[in-house]
Amino acid sequence: MIKAIMIINTSGKPRLVKFYERKTEQQQQALLKEVYNLISKRADVMCNFLEADKLENWGGKAGDTKIIYRHYATLYFIFVADGSESELGILDLKQRLRQRQIQTFVETLDKCFRNVCELDLVFHVDKVHFVLDEIICGGMVLETRISEIFDVVTQQKKLEAQENPVATAKGDIKNFFGEFGR
């Protein structure tokens, strides 16, 4: 099960944080700091998987938590997952699947925002959470097909356009003035 998803920039500022386990605000902040400190010190050529035994604020038994991350430009996409499966199973299968989840999430955001960047995450938090919720719910992976996720996002945009008469009216006014050469 996925315990948390974090997107942190290279300066250590969180851009998206979603915990699927109950943690207090102080615990979440401490975990963000600890995870960032662990990942930011690693070279890009190092493995993208970490045992999270050293995380003081996560709790649990040794070997129970894994950190799987990818570094894209100025952002770290981080998934924290439990280690309930055997080590061999995690190394051989589960980590590849988690890494694929990160890739699916990033590719979907790229498709939605046409080359996603840090500002997209800052100014469109609701849309980023919507995409994430289409992929993962309650720590369980729901969907991995980018086309299916993007179809749902497109349908949501159409519904928002229908339900927002102010935006529609603004578009009509622009068209009106465009016709009369204002």
Protein backbone atom coordinates (compact mmCIF):
# COMPACT_ATOMS: atom_id res chain seq x y z
CA MET A 1 0.00 0.00 0.00
CA ILE A 2 1.14 3.54 -0.68
CA LYS A 3 1.59 5.53 2.51
CA ALA A 4 2.29 8.96 1.05
CA ILE A 5 2.98 10.85 -2.15
CA MET A 6 5.11 13.97 -2.19
CA ILE A 7 6.36 16.32 -4.84
CA ILE A 8 9.19 18.47 -3.53
CA ASN A 9 11.30 20.92 -5.50
CA THR A 10 15.09 20.87 -5.36
CA SER A 11 15.04 23.67 -2.75
CA GLY A 12 12.99 21.51 -0.38
CA LYS A 13 9.64 23.26 -0.84
CA PRO A 14 6.71 20.82 -0.99
CA ARG A 15 4.50 21.29 -4.04
CA LEU A 16 2.11 18.41 -3.40
CA VAL A 17 1.74 16.29 -0.29
CA LYS A 18 -0.81 13.54 0.22
CA PHE A 19 -0.67 11.13 3.15
CA TYR A 20 -2.76 7.96 3.11
CA GLU A 21 -1.95 7.24 6.77
CA ARG A 22 -3.06 9.42 9.62
CA LYS A 23 -0.25 11.73 10.69
CA THR A 24 -0.34 14.97 12.65
CA GLU A 25 0.76 18.17 10.93
CA GLN A 26 4.02 18.11 12.91
CA GLN A 27 4.72 14.50 11.90
CA GLN A 28 4.00 15.30 8.25
CA GLN A 29 6.36 18.29 8.30
CA ALA A 30 9.08 16.24 10.00
CA LEU A 31 8.65 13.41 7.48
CA LEU A 32 8.83 15.82 4.54
CA LYS A 33 12.05 17.24 5.88
CA GLU A 34 13.55 13.81 6.56
CA VAL A 35 12.59 12.39 3.16
CA TYR A 36 13.95 15.47 1.37
CA ASN A 37 17.22 15.29 3.33
CA LEU A 38 17.66 11.62 2.39
CA ILE A 39 16.87 12.06 -1.30
CA SER A 40 18.54 15.40 -2.01
CA LYS A 41 21.94 14.07 -0.93
CA ARG A 42 21.84 11.21 -3.43
CA ALA A 43 23.51 11.44 -6.82
CA ASP A 44 21.32 11.12 -9.93
CA VAL A 45 23.14 7.93 -10.92
CA MET A 46 22.11 6.18 -7.69
CA CYS A 47 19.18 3.79 -7.38
CA ASN A 48 15.74 5.40 -7.01
CA PHE A 49 14.71 3.11 -4.14
CA LEU A 50 15.49 3.58 -0.44
CA GLU A 51 14.77 1.66 2.72
CA ALA A 52 13.12 4.13 5.06
CA ASP A 53 14.24 2.49 8.30
CA LYS A 54 16.02 5.68 9.28
CA LEU A 55 12.86 7.79 9.23
CA GLU A 56 12.27 8.51 12.90
CA ASN A 57 8.79 9.96 12.49
CA TRP A 58 7.31 7.19 10.39
CA GLY A 59 7.31 4.54 13.07
CA GLY A 60 6.72 0.88 12.34
CA LYS A 61 9.19 -1.96 12.29
CA ALA A 62 12.45 -2.12 10.36
CA GLY A 63 12.04 -2.81 6.64
CA ASP A 64 8.40 -1.75 6.73
CA THR A 65 8.69 1.40 4.63
CA LYS A 66 10.26 2.03 1.22
CA ILE A 67 10.84 5.31 -0.58
CA ILE A 68 10.59 5.23 -4.36
CA TYR A 69 11.35 8.45 -6.19
CA ARG A 70 12.16 10.02 -9.56
CA HIS A 71 13.95 13.29 -10.18
CA TYR A 72 12.56 15.35 -13.08
CA ALA A 73 14.15 18.76 -13.73
CA THR A 74 13.55 20.73 -10.52
CA LEU A 75 11.10 18.31 -8.90
CA TYR A 76 11.30 15.09 -6.91
CA PHE A 77 8.26 12.83 -7.31
CA ILE A 78 8.26 10.63 -4.21
CA PHE A 79 6.12 7.63 -3.32
CA VAL A 80 6.39 6.11 0.16
CA ALA A 81 5.08 2.55 0.31
CA ASP A 82 4.93 -0.23 2.87
CA GLY A 83 7.25 -3.20 2.74
CA SER A 84 4.82 -5.96 3.64
CA GLU A 85 5.89 -8.17 0.72
CA SER A 86 9.10 -10.18 0.68
CA GLU A 87 12.31 -8.33 -0.14
CA LEU A 88 12.79 -10.32 -3.35
CA GLY A 89 9.23 -9.57 -4.43
CA ILE A 90 9.71 -5.89 -3.72
CA LEU A 91 13.01 -5.68 -5.59
CA ASP A 92 11.82 -7.70 -8.55
CA LEU A 93 8.25 -6.57 -9.09
CA LYS A 94 6.78 -4.08 -6.66
CA GLN A 95 9.40 -1.37 -7.09
CA ARG A 96 9.09 -1.48 -10.87
CA LEU A 97 5.34 -1.08 -10.51
CA ARG A 98 5.72 1.85 -8.13
CA GLN A 99 8.20 3.49 -10.45
CA ARG A 100 5.68 2.97 -13.24
CA GLN A 101 3.08 4.74 -11.08
CA ILE A 102 5.37 7.73 -10.83
CA GLN A 103 5.90 7.65 -14.58
CA THR A 104 2.14 7.39 -15.20
CA PHE A 105 1.48 10.33 -12.88
CA VAL A 106 4.15 12.51 -14.54
CA GLU A 107 3.09 11.61 -18.09
CA THR A 108 -0.56 12.34 -17.30
CA LEU A 109 0.37 15.72 -15.81
CA ASP A 110 2.49 16.42 -18.89
CA LYS A 111 -0.47 15.66 -21.11
CA CYS A 112 -2.85 17.80 -19.03
CA PHE A 113 -0.56 20.82 -18.75
CA ARG A 114 1.50 20.43 -21.95
CA ASN A 115 4.92 19.92 -20.32
CA VAL A 116 4.16 20.19 -16.63
CA CYS A 117 6.38 22.50 -14.61
CA GLU A 118 6.56 23.58 -11.01
CA LEU A 119 4.28 26.58 -11.59
CA ASP A 120 1.54 24.27 -12.89
CA LEU A 121 1.67 22.42 -9.58
CA VAL A 122 1.51 25.67 -7.62
CA PHE A 123 -1.31 27.37 -9.54
CA HIS A 124 -3.41 24.30 -10.40
CA VAL A 125 -3.32 22.30 -7.18
CA ASP A 126 -6.93 21.19 -7.58
CA LYS A 127 -6.29 19.71 -11.03
CA VAL A 128 -3.13 17.94 -9.86
CA HIS A 129 -5.03 16.38 -6.95
CA PHE A 130 -7.83 15.37 -9.33
CA VAL A 131 -5.33 13.54 -11.57
CA LEU A 132 -3.70 11.90 -8.56
CA ASP A 133 -7.07 10.77 -7.23
CA GLU A 134 -7.82 9.13 -10.58
CA ILE A 135 -4.62 7.09 -10.25
CA ILE A 136 -4.57 6.36 -6.50
CA CYS A 137 -7.35 6.26 -3.93
CA GLY A 138 -6.79 5.48 -0.26
CA GLY A 139 -3.26 4.27 -0.97
CA MET A 140 -4.37 1.73 -3.57
CA VAL A 141 -3.63 2.05 -7.28
CA LEU A 142 -6.83 2.37 -9.30
CA GLU A 143 -5.74 3.17 -12.84
CA THR A 144 -2.45 3.09 -14.73
CA ARG A 145 -3.59 3.73 -18.31
CA ILE A 146 -2.80 7.32 -19.21
CA SER A 147 -5.47 7.47 -21.91
CA GLU A 148 -8.21 6.48 -19.42
CA ILE A 149 -7.03 9.02 -16.86
CA PHE A 150 -6.81 11.78 -19.47
CA ASP A 151 -10.32 10.95 -20.74
CA VAL A 152 -11.73 11.47 -17.23
CA VAL A 153 -9.82 14.76 -16.88
CA THR A 154 -11.21 15.91 -20.25
CA GLN A 155 -14.76 14.99 -19.20
CA GLN A 156 -14.27 16.93 -15.96
CA LYS A 157 -13.14 20.02 -17.92
CA LYS A 158 -16.29 19.81 -20.08
CA LEU A 159 -18.50 19.59 -17.00
CA GLU A 160 -16.78 22.59 -15.43
CA ALA A 161 -17.30 24.61 -18.62
CA GLN A 162 -21.01 23.73 -18.66
CA GLU A 163 -21.50 24.57 -14.98
CA ASN A 164 -19.63 27.88 -15.08
CA PRO A 165 -21.89 30.42 -16.80
CA VAL A 166 -19.59 33.34 -15.89
CA ALA A 167 -16.72 31.91 -17.91
CA THR A 168 -19.10 31.22 -20.77
CA ALA A 169 -20.43 34.79 -20.60
CA LYS A 170 -16.90 36.20 -20.63
CA GLY A 171 -16.22 34.19 -23.75
CA ASP A 172 -19.41 35.56 -25.33
CA ILE A 173 -18.41 39.14 -24.51
CA LYS A 174 -14.97 38.60 -26.05
CA ASN A 175 -16.64 37.21 -29.18
CA PHE A 176 -19.09 40.11 -29.22
CA PHE A 177 -16.37 42.76 -29.06
CA GLY A 178 -14.26 40.81 -31.51
CA GLU A 179 -17.03 41.09 -34.11
CA PHE A 180 -17.26 44.88 -33.76
CA GLY A 181 -13.52 45.52 -33.88
CA ARG A 182 -13.12 46.87 -30.38
